[in-house]
Amino acid sequence: MHSIKLLGMGDARYRCIKSNLLEAIKHLGWAEAVDEISNLNTILHYKVNSVPAILVDEHVVFECGEVPSVEQLETLLLQAQSEAPAAPV
């Protein structure tokens, strides 16, 4: 189970990324919910360079550039999953 956060202010770009992110999660068969963060003070806490930004397990996986496609987001999510430390036994 991963923690997925979408940081942003709800503009058109944010909404497009949100839609693609939800679709990517669905395609991967993940049950994770996306925690949407729009409070500026909370966003500043994460020290991202720009919003919208996506964090997986508190690590930034997207914050700059063009709106990623569903396929690009699937790749980013899978990379974040493979880079995550193993859960303690």
PDB file of N, CA and C in Angstrom:
ATOM      1  N   MET A   1       0.844  -1.178   0.000  1.00  0.00           N
ATOM      2  CA  MET A   1       0.000   0.000   0.000  1.00  0.00           C
ATOM      3  C   MET A   1       0.885   1.235   0.000  1.00  0.00           C
ATOM      4  N   HIS A   2       0.545   2.166  -0.870  1.00  0.00           N
ATOM      5  CA  HIS A   2       1.338   3.382  -1.007  1.00  0.00           C
ATOM      6  C   HIS A   2       0.508   4.605  -0.648  1.00  0.00           C
ATOM      7  N   SER A   3       1.196   5.624  -0.208  1.00  0.00           N
ATOM      8  CA  SER A   3       0.580   6.920   0.038  1.00  0.00           C
ATOM      9  C   SER A   3       0.801   7.768  -1.215  1.00  0.00           C
ATOM     10  N   ILE A   4      -0.283   8.195  -1.848  1.00  0.00           N
ATOM     11  CA  ILE A   4      -0.180   9.008  -3.055  1.00  0.00           C
ATOM     12  C   ILE A   4      -0.822  10.357  -2.769  1.00  0.00           C
ATOM     13  N   LYS A   5      -0.048  11.433  -3.000  1.00  0.00           N
ATOM     14  CA  LYS A   5      -0.537  12.782  -2.750  1.00  0.00           C
ATOM     15  C   LYS A   5      -0.432  13.590  -4.031  1.00  0.00           C
ATOM     16  N   LEU A   6      -1.468  14.377  -4.276  1.00  0.00           N
ATOM     17  CA  LEU A   6      -1.492  15.300  -5.404  1.00  0.00           C
ATOM     18  C   LEU A   6      -1.568  16.700  -4.824  1.00  0.00           C
ATOM     19  N   LEU A   7      -0.528  17.481  -5.052  1.00  0.00           N
ATOM     20  CA  LEU A   7      -0.452  18.833  -4.540  1.00  0.00           C
ATOM     21  C   LEU A   7      -0.807  19.819  -5.644  1.00  0.00           C
ATOM     22  N   GLY A   8      -1.637  20.793  -5.332  1.00  0.00           N
ATOM     23  CA  GLY A   8      -1.979  21.793  -6.326  1.00  0.00           C
ATOM     24  C   GLY A   8      -3.169  22.624  -5.909  1.00  0.00           C
ATOM     25  N   MET A   9      -3.502  23.568  -6.775  1.00  0.00           N
ATOM     26  CA  MET A   9      -4.523  24.553  -6.452  1.00  0.00           C
ATOM     27  C   MET A   9      -5.830  24.344  -7.214  1.00  0.00           C
ATOM     28  N   GLY A  10      -5.993  23.258  -7.942  1.00  0.00           N
ATOM     29  CA  GLY A  10      -7.255  22.946  -8.581  1.00  0.00           C
ATOM     30  C   GLY A  10      -7.480  23.586  -9.941  1.00  0.00           C
ATOM     31  N   ASP A  11      -6.414  24.087 -10.561  1.00  0.00           N
ATOM     32  CA  ASP A  11      -6.553  24.695 -11.881  1.00  0.00           C
ATOM     33  C   ASP A  11      -6.750  23.613 -12.945  1.00  0.00           C
ATOM     34  N   ALA A  12      -6.869  24.040 -14.209  1.00  0.00           N
ATOM     35  CA  ALA A  12      -7.142  23.094 -15.300  1.00  0.00           C
ATOM     36  C   ALA A  12      -6.040  22.044 -15.420  1.00  0.00           C
ATOM     37  N   ARG A  13      -4.789  22.454 -15.279  1.00  0.00           N
ATOM     38  CA  ARG A  13      -3.673  21.504 -15.373  1.00  0.00           C
ATOM     39  C   ARG A  13      -3.759  20.472 -14.249  1.00  0.00           C
ATOM     40  N   TYR A  14      -4.051  20.931 -13.053  1.00  0.00           N
ATOM     41  CA  TYR A  14      -4.218  20.055 -11.898  1.00  0.00           C
ATOM     42  C   TYR A  14      -5.319  19.025 -12.167  1.00  0.00           C
ATOM     43  N   ARG A  15      -6.464  19.493 -12.668  1.00  0.00           N
ATOM     44  CA  ARG A  15      -7.591  18.591 -12.924  1.00  0.00           C
ATOM     45  C   ARG A  15      -7.245  17.546 -13.975  1.00  0.00           C
ATOM     46  N   CYS A  16      -6.476  17.929 -14.980  1.00  0.00           N
ATOM     47  CA  CYS A  16      -6.068  16.982 -16.024  1.00  0.00           C
ATOM     48  C   CYS A  16      -5.118  15.932 -15.448  1.00  0.00           C
ATOM     49  N   ILE A  17      -4.165  16.384 -14.640  1.00  0.00           N
ATOM     50  CA  ILE A  17      -3.224  15.443 -14.010  1.00  0.00           C
ATOM     51  C   ILE A  17      -3.980  14.514 -13.062  1.00  0.00           C
ATOM     52  N   LYS A  18      -4.920  15.053 -12.316  1.00  0.00           N
ATOM     53  CA  LYS A  18      -5.720  14.225 -11.398  1.00  0.00           C
ATOM     54  C   LYS A  18      -6.460  13.137 -12.163  1.00  0.00           C
ATOM     55  N   SER A  19      -7.097  13.518 -13.253  1.00  0.00           N
ATOM     56  CA  SER A  19      -7.828  12.552 -14.067  1.00  0.00           C
ATOM     57  C   SER A  19      -6.901  11.452 -14.584  1.00  0.00           C
ATOM     58  N   ASN A  20      -5.748  11.832 -15.110  1.00  0.00           N
ATOM     59  CA  ASN A  20      -4.782  10.853 -15.624  1.00  0.00           C
ATOM     60  C   ASN A  20      -4.228   9.979 -14.502  1.00  0.00           C
ATOM     61  N   LEU A  21      -3.988  10.580 -13.336  1.00  0.00           N
ATOM     62  CA  LEU A  21      -3.462   9.826 -12.205  1.00  0.00           C
ATOM     63  C   LEU A  21      -4.475   8.786 -11.732  1.00  0.00           C
ATOM     64  N   LEU A  22      -5.720   9.173 -11.609  1.00  0.00           N
ATOM     65  CA  LEU A  22      -6.755   8.217 -11.191  1.00  0.00           C
ATOM     66  C   LEU A  22      -6.901   7.084 -12.196  1.00  0.00           C
ATOM     67  N   GLU A  23      -6.801   7.413 -13.478  1.00  0.00           N
ATOM     68  CA  GLU A  23      -6.887   6.380 -14.517  1.00  0.00           C
ATOM     69  C   GLU A  23      -5.686   5.434 -14.441  1.00  0.00           C
ATOM     70  N   ALA A  24      -4.497   5.989 -14.203  1.00  0.00           N
ATOM     71  CA  ALA A  24      -3.287   5.156 -14.095  1.00  0.00           C
ATOM     72  C   ALA A  24      -3.394   4.202 -12.907  1.00  0.00           C
ATOM     73  N   ILE A  25      -3.879   4.702 -11.793  1.00  0.00           N
ATOM     74  CA  ILE A  25      -4.054   3.852 -10.604  1.00  0.00           C
ATOM     75  C   ILE A  25      -5.048   2.733 -10.906  1.00  0.00           C
ATOM     76  N   LYS A  26      -6.107   3.078 -11.595  1.00  0.00           N
ATOM     77  CA  LYS A  26      -7.117   2.081 -11.974  1.00  0.00           C
ATOM     78  C   LYS A  26      -6.512   1.026 -12.905  1.00  0.00           C
ATOM     79  N   HIS A  27      -5.752   1.465 -13.915  1.00  0.00           N
ATOM     80  CA  HIS A  27      -5.120   0.519 -14.851  1.00  0.00           C
ATOM     81  C   HIS A  27      -4.175  -0.439 -14.135  1.00  0.00           C
ATOM     82  N   LEU A  28      -3.483   0.058 -13.107  1.00  0.00           N
ATOM     83  CA  LEU A  28      -2.542  -0.785 -12.370  1.00  0.00           C
ATOM     84  C   LEU A  28      -3.257  -1.727 -11.400  1.00  0.00           C
ATOM     85  N   GLY A  29      -4.537  -1.491 -11.197  1.00  0.00           N
ATOM     86  CA  GLY A  29      -5.286  -2.336 -10.272  1.00  0.00           C
ATOM     87  C   GLY A  29      -4.991  -2.027  -8.816  1.00  0.00           C
ATOM     88  N   TRP A  30      -4.482  -0.834  -8.549  1.00  0.00           N
ATOM     89  CA  TRP A  30      -4.170  -0.434  -7.184  1.00  0.00           C
ATOM     90  C   TRP A  30      -5.438   0.060  -6.500  1.00  0.00           C
ATOM     91  N   ALA A  31      -5.491  -0.101  -5.198  1.00  0.00           N
ATOM     92  CA  ALA A  31      -6.642   0.353  -4.418  1.00  0.00           C
ATOM     93  C   ALA A  31      -6.351   1.676  -3.705  1.00  0.00           C
ATOM     94  N   GLU A  32      -5.182   2.251  -3.941  1.00  0.00           N
ATOM     95  CA  GLU A  32      -4.780   3.463  -3.245  1.00  0.00           C
ATOM     96  C   GLU A  32      -5.678   4.640  -3.591  1.00  0.00           C
ATOM     97  N   ALA A  33      -5.974   5.424  -2.581  1.00  0.00           N
ATOM     98  CA  ALA A  33      -6.701   6.675  -2.777  1.00  0.00           C
ATOM     99  C   ALA A  33      -5.675   7.794  -2.933  1.00  0.00           C
ATOM    100  N   VAL A  34      -6.082   8.839  -3.604  1.00  0.00           N
ATOM    101  CA  VAL A  34      -5.200   9.993  -3.788  1.00  0.00           C
ATOM    102  C   VAL A  34      -5.597  11.052  -2.763  1.00  0.00           C
ATOM    103  N   ASP A  35      -4.627  11.473  -1.972  1.00  0.00           N
ATOM    104  CA  ASP A  35      -4.826  12.527  -0.991  1.00  0.00           C
ATOM    105  C   ASP A  35      -4.541  13.852  -1.693  1.00  0.00           C
ATOM    106  N   GLU A  36      -5.571  14.665  -1.870  1.00  0.00           N
ATOM    107  CA  GLU A  36      -5.413  15.941  -2.563  1.00  0.00           C
ATOM    108  C   GLU A  36      -5.084  17.032  -1.550  1.00  0.00           C
ATOM    109  N   ILE A  37      -3.997  17.748  -1.809  1.00  0.00           N
ATOM    110  CA  ILE A  37      -3.548  18.788  -0.892  1.00  0.00           C
ATOM    111  C   ILE A  37      -3.527  20.118  -1.631  1.00  0.00           C
ATOM    112  N   SER A  38      -4.353  21.065  -1.144  1.00  0.00           N
ATOM    113  CA  SER A  38      -4.418  22.373  -1.785  1.00  0.00           C
ATOM    114  C   SER A  38      -4.045  23.513  -0.839  1.00  0.00           C
ATOM    115  N   ASN A  39      -3.845  23.213   0.419  1.00  0.00           N
ATOM    116  CA  ASN A  39      -3.459  24.232   1.384  1.00  0.00           C
ATOM    117  C   ASN A  39      -2.023  24.668   1.114  1.00  0.00           C
ATOM    118  N   LEU A  40      -1.826  25.960   0.868  1.00  0.00           N
ATOM    119  CA  LEU A  40      -0.513  26.473   0.484  1.00  0.00           C
ATOM    120  C   LEU A  40       0.556  26.187   1.530  1.00  0.00           C
ATOM    121  N   ASN A  41       0.250  26.337   2.800  1.00  0.00           N
ATOM    122  CA  ASN A  41       1.247  26.069   3.840  1.00  0.00           C
ATOM    123  C   ASN A  41       1.665  24.599   3.858  1.00  0.00           C
ATOM    124  N   THR A  42       0.714  23.729   3.625  1.00  0.00           N
ATOM    125  CA  THR A  42       1.030  22.294   3.570  1.00  0.00           C
ATOM    126  C   THR A  42       1.867  21.985   2.334  1.00  0.00           C
ATOM    127  N   ILE A  43       1.513  22.575   1.198  1.00  0.00           N
ATOM    128  CA  ILE A  43       2.279  22.366  -0.032  1.00  0.00           C
ATOM    129  C   ILE A  43       3.719  22.834   0.160  1.00  0.00           C
ATOM    130  N   LEU A  44       3.907  23.991   0.794  1.00  0.00           N
ATOM    131  CA  LEU A  44       5.258  24.517   1.028  1.00  0.00           C
ATOM    132  C   LEU A  44       6.094  23.572   1.889  1.00  0.00           C
ATOM    133  N   HIS A  45       5.440  22.841   2.773  1.00  0.00           N
ATOM    134  CA  HIS A  45       6.117  21.861   3.628  1.00  0.00           C
ATOM    135  C   HIS A  45       6.858  20.797   2.798  1.00  0.00           C
ATOM    136  N   TYR A  46       6.310  20.463   1.632  1.00  0.00           N
ATOM    137  CA  TYR A  46       6.902  19.419   0.801  1.00  0.00           C
ATOM    138  C   TYR A  46       8.061  19.914  -0.062  1.00  0.00           C
ATOM    139  N   LYS A  47       8.285  21.219  -0.098  1.00  0.00           N
ATOM    140  CA  LYS A  47       9.427  21.815  -0.802  1.00  0.00           C
ATOM    141  C   LYS A  47       9.506  21.401  -2.269  1.00  0.00           C
ATOM    142  N   VAL A  48       8.361  21.401  -2.944  1.00  0.00           N
ATOM    143  CA  VAL A  48       8.345  21.136  -4.380  1.00  0.00           C
ATOM    144  C   VAL A  48       8.649  22.439  -5.123  1.00  0.00           C
ATOM    145  N   ASN A  49       9.177  22.319  -6.335  1.00  0.00           N
ATOM    146  CA  ASN A  49       9.516  23.494  -7.133  1.00  0.00           C
ATOM    147  C   ASN A  49       8.309  24.104  -7.816  1.00  0.00           C
ATOM    148  N   SER A  50       7.312  23.289  -8.113  1.00  0.00           N
ATOM    149  CA  SER A  50       6.103  23.791  -8.751  1.00  0.00           C
ATOM    150  C   SER A  50       4.958  22.829  -8.482  1.00  0.00           C
ATOM    151  N   VAL A  51       3.753  23.321  -8.693  1.00  0.00           N
ATOM    152  CA  VAL A  51       2.565  22.487  -8.586  1.00  0.00           C
ATOM    153  C   VAL A  51       1.815  22.574  -9.895  1.00  0.00           C
ATOM    154  N   PRO A  52       1.073  21.588 -10.252  1.00  0.00           N
ATOM    155  CA  PRO A  52       0.781  20.375  -9.503  1.00  0.00           C
ATOM    156  C   PRO A  52       2.014  19.470  -9.373  1.00  0.00           C
ATOM    157  N   ALA A  53       2.022  18.734  -8.292  1.00  0.00           N
ATOM    158  CA  ALA A  53       3.090  17.774  -8.028  1.00  0.00           C
ATOM    159  C   ALA A  53       2.460  16.496  -7.484  1.00  0.00           C
ATOM    160  N   ILE A  54       3.141  15.382  -7.727  1.00  0.00           N
ATOM    161  CA  ILE A  54       2.680  14.082  -7.234  1.00  0.00           C
ATOM    162  C   ILE A  54       3.764  13.503  -6.346  1.00  0.00           C
ATOM    163  N   LEU A  55       3.355  13.033  -5.176  1.00  0.00           N
ATOM    164  CA  LEU A  55       4.262  12.366  -4.254  1.00  0.00           C
ATOM    165  C   LEU A  55       3.776  10.943  -4.024  1.00  0.00           C
ATOM    166  N   VAL A  56       4.704  10.016  -3.990  1.00  0.00           N
ATOM    167  CA  VAL A  56       4.402   8.638  -3.646  1.00  0.00           C
ATOM    168  C   VAL A  56       5.278   8.295  -2.451  1.00  0.00           C
ATOM    169  N   ASP A  57       4.653   7.912  -1.366  1.00  0.00           N
ATOM    170  CA  ASP A  57       5.360   7.601  -0.124  1.00  0.00           C
ATOM    171  C   ASP A  57       6.308   8.737   0.256  1.00  0.00           C
ATOM    172  N   GLU A  58       5.797   9.970   0.152  1.00  0.00           N
ATOM    173  CA  GLU A  58       6.507  11.196   0.539  1.00  0.00           C
ATOM    174  C   GLU A  58       7.669  11.575  -0.373  1.00  0.00           C
ATOM    175  N   HIS A  59       7.830  10.889  -1.508  1.00  0.00           N
ATOM    176  CA  HIS A  59       8.875  11.214  -2.475  1.00  0.00           C
ATOM    177  C   HIS A  59       8.233  11.814  -3.725  1.00  0.00           C
ATOM    178  N   VAL A  60       8.795  12.928  -4.182  1.00  0.00           N
ATOM    179  CA  VAL A  60       8.263  13.596  -5.364  1.00  0.00           C
ATOM    180  C   VAL A  60       8.557  12.744  -6.595  1.00  0.00           C
ATOM    181  N   VAL A  61       7.517  12.412  -7.354  1.00  0.00           N
ATOM    182  CA  VAL A  61       7.693  11.647  -8.589  1.00  0.00           C
ATOM    183  C   VAL A  61       7.358  12.481  -9.821  1.00  0.00           C
ATOM    184  N   PHE A  62       6.652  13.614  -9.607  1.00  0.00           N
ATOM    185  CA  PHE A  62       6.350  14.525 -10.713  1.00  0.00           C
ATOM    186  C   PHE A  62       6.124  15.911 -10.144  1.00  0.00           C
ATOM    187  N   GLU A  63       6.733  16.919 -10.800  1.00  0.00           N
ATOM    188  CA  GLU A  63       6.445  18.287 -10.394  1.00  0.00           C
ATOM    189  C   GLU A  63       6.646  19.316 -11.496  1.00  0.00           C
ATOM    190  N   CYS A  64       7.241  18.956 -12.590  1.00  0.00           N
ATOM    191  CA  CYS A  64       7.506  19.929 -13.647  1.00  0.00           C
ATOM    192  C   CYS A  64       7.232  19.307 -15.012  1.00  0.00           C
ATOM    193  N   GLY A  65       6.988  20.163 -15.983  1.00  0.00           N
ATOM    194  CA  GLY A  65       6.851  19.670 -17.343  1.00  0.00           C
ATOM    195  C   GLY A  65       5.410  19.577 -17.800  1.00  0.00           C
ATOM    196  N   GLU A  66       5.258  18.969 -18.957  1.00  0.00           N
ATOM    197  CA  GLU A  66       3.941  18.787 -19.562  1.00  0.00           C
ATOM    198  C   GLU A  66       3.094  17.849 -18.720  1.00  0.00           C
ATOM    199  N   VAL A  67       1.809  17.926 -18.922  1.00  0.00           N
ATOM    200  CA  VAL A  67       0.888  17.019 -18.228  1.00  0.00           C
ATOM    201  C   VAL A  67       1.229  15.595 -18.654  1.00  0.00           C
ATOM    202  N   PRO A  68       1.583  14.725 -17.695  1.00  0.00           N
ATOM    203  CA  PRO A  68       1.932  13.354 -18.065  1.00  0.00           C
ATOM    204  C   PRO A  68       0.703  12.556 -18.496  1.00  0.00           C
ATOM    205  N   SER A  69       0.914  11.688 -19.474  1.00  0.00           N
ATOM    206  CA  SER A  69      -0.161  10.812 -19.936  1.00  0.00           C
ATOM    207  C   SER A  69      -0.429   9.735 -18.887  1.00  0.00           C
ATOM    208  N   VAL A  70      -1.508   9.024 -19.077  1.00  0.00           N
ATOM    209  CA  VAL A  70      -1.837   7.902 -18.188  1.00  0.00           C
ATOM    210  C   VAL A  70      -0.677   6.906 -18.185  1.00  0.00           C
ATOM    211  N   GLU A  71      -0.150   6.597 -19.361  1.00  0.00           N
ATOM    212  CA  GLU A  71       0.948   5.631 -19.476  1.00  0.00           C
ATOM    213  C   GLU A  71       2.202   6.132 -18.765  1.00  0.00           C
ATOM    214  N   GLN A  72       2.502   7.407 -18.903  1.00  0.00           N
ATOM    215  CA  GLN A  72       3.673   7.969 -18.216  1.00  0.00           C
ATOM    216  C   GLN A  72       3.489   7.901 -16.701  1.00  0.00           C
ATOM    217  N   LEU A  73       2.288   8.169 -16.239  1.00  0.00           N
ATOM    218  CA  LEU A  73       2.029   8.092 -14.804  1.00  0.00           C
ATOM    219  C   LEU A  73       2.104   6.659 -14.297  1.00  0.00           C
ATOM    220  N   GLU A  74       1.641   5.711 -15.083  1.00  0.00           N
ATOM    221  CA  GLU A  74       1.777   4.300 -14.695  1.00  0.00           C
ATOM    222  C   GLU A  74       3.252   3.970 -14.491  1.00  0.00           C
ATOM    223  N   THR A  75       4.096   4.403 -15.427  1.00  0.00           N
ATOM    224  CA  THR A  75       5.536   4.157 -15.330  1.00  0.00           C
ATOM    225  C   THR A  75       6.111   4.804 -14.075  1.00  0.00           C
ATOM    226  N   LEU A  76       5.737   6.057 -13.802  1.00  0.00           N
ATOM    227  CA  LEU A  76       6.234   6.745 -12.608  1.00  0.00           C
ATOM    228  C   LEU A  76       5.809   6.023 -11.332  1.00  0.00           C
ATOM    229  N   LEU A  77       4.569   5.571 -11.289  1.00  0.00           N
ATOM    230  CA  LEU A  77       4.078   4.859 -10.109  1.00  0.00           C
ATOM    231  C   LEU A  77       4.799   3.529  -9.910  1.00  0.00           C
ATOM    232  N   LEU A  78       5.008   2.808 -11.003  1.00  0.00           N
ATOM    233  CA  LEU A  78       5.722   1.525 -10.903  1.00  0.00           C
ATOM    234  C   LEU A  78       7.173   1.731 -10.493  1.00  0.00           C
ATOM    235  N   GLN A  79       7.811   2.786 -10.998  1.00  0.00           N
ATOM    236  CA  GLN A  79       9.188   3.091 -10.598  1.00  0.00           C
ATOM    237  C   GLN A  79       9.238   3.421  -9.117  1.00  0.00           C
ATOM    238  N   ALA A  80       8.291   4.211  -8.652  1.00  0.00           N
ATOM    239  CA  ALA A  80       8.250   4.570  -7.226  1.00  0.00           C
ATOM    240  C   ALA A  80       8.041   3.328  -6.361  1.00  0.00           C
ATOM    241  N   GLN A  81       7.228   2.399  -6.859  1.00  0.00           N
ATOM    242  CA  GLN A  81       6.980   1.155  -6.121  1.00  0.00           C
ATOM    243  C   GLN A  81       8.251   0.320  -6.031  1.00  0.00           C
ATOM    244  N   SER A  82       8.990   0.238  -7.121  1.00  0.00           N
ATOM    245  CA  SER A  82      10.198  -0.584  -7.133  1.00  0.00           C
ATOM    246  C   SER A  82      11.331   0.051  -6.331  1.00  0.00           C
ATOM    247  N   GLU A  83      11.296   1.360  -6.152  1.00  0.00           N
ATOM    248  CA  GLU A  83      12.333   2.051  -5.388  1.00  0.00           C
ATOM    249  C   GLU A  83      12.013   2.137  -3.909  1.00  0.00           C
ATOM    250  N   ALA A  84      10.804   1.765  -3.530  1.00  0.00           N
ATOM    251  CA  ALA A  84      10.389   1.846  -2.125  1.00  0.00           C
ATOM    252  C   ALA A  84      11.160   0.812  -1.309  1.00  0.00           C
ATOM    253  N   PRO A  85      11.565   1.193  -0.103  1.00  0.00           N
ATOM    254  CA  PRO A  85      12.247   0.231   0.769  1.00  0.00           C
ATOM    255  C   PRO A  85      11.316  -0.916   1.151  1.00  0.00           C
ATOM    256  N   ALA A  86      11.883  -2.057   1.357  1.00  0.00           N
ATOM    257  CA  ALA A  86      11.102  -3.223   1.737  1.00  0.00           C
ATOM    258  C   ALA A  86      10.442  -2.989   3.092  1.00  0.00           C
ATOM    259  N   ALA A  87       9.249  -3.490   3.236  1.00  0.00           N
ATOM    260  CA  ALA A  87       8.529  -3.351   4.512  1.00  0.00           C
ATOM    261  C   ALA A  87       9.186  -4.235   5.559  1.00  0.00           C
ATOM    262  N   PRO A  88       9.263  -3.749   6.794  1.00  0.00           N
ATOM    263  CA  PRO A  88       9.863  -4.568   7.858  1.00  0.00           C
ATOM    264  C   PRO A  88       9.037  -5.830   8.099  1.00  0.00           C
ATOM    265  N   VAL A  89       9.726  -6.890   8.459  1.00  0.00           N
ATOM    266  CA  VAL A  89       9.051  -8.181   8.695  1.00  0.00           C
ATOM    267  C   VAL A  89       8.741  -8.347  10.147  1.00  0.00           C
TER     268      VAL A  89
END
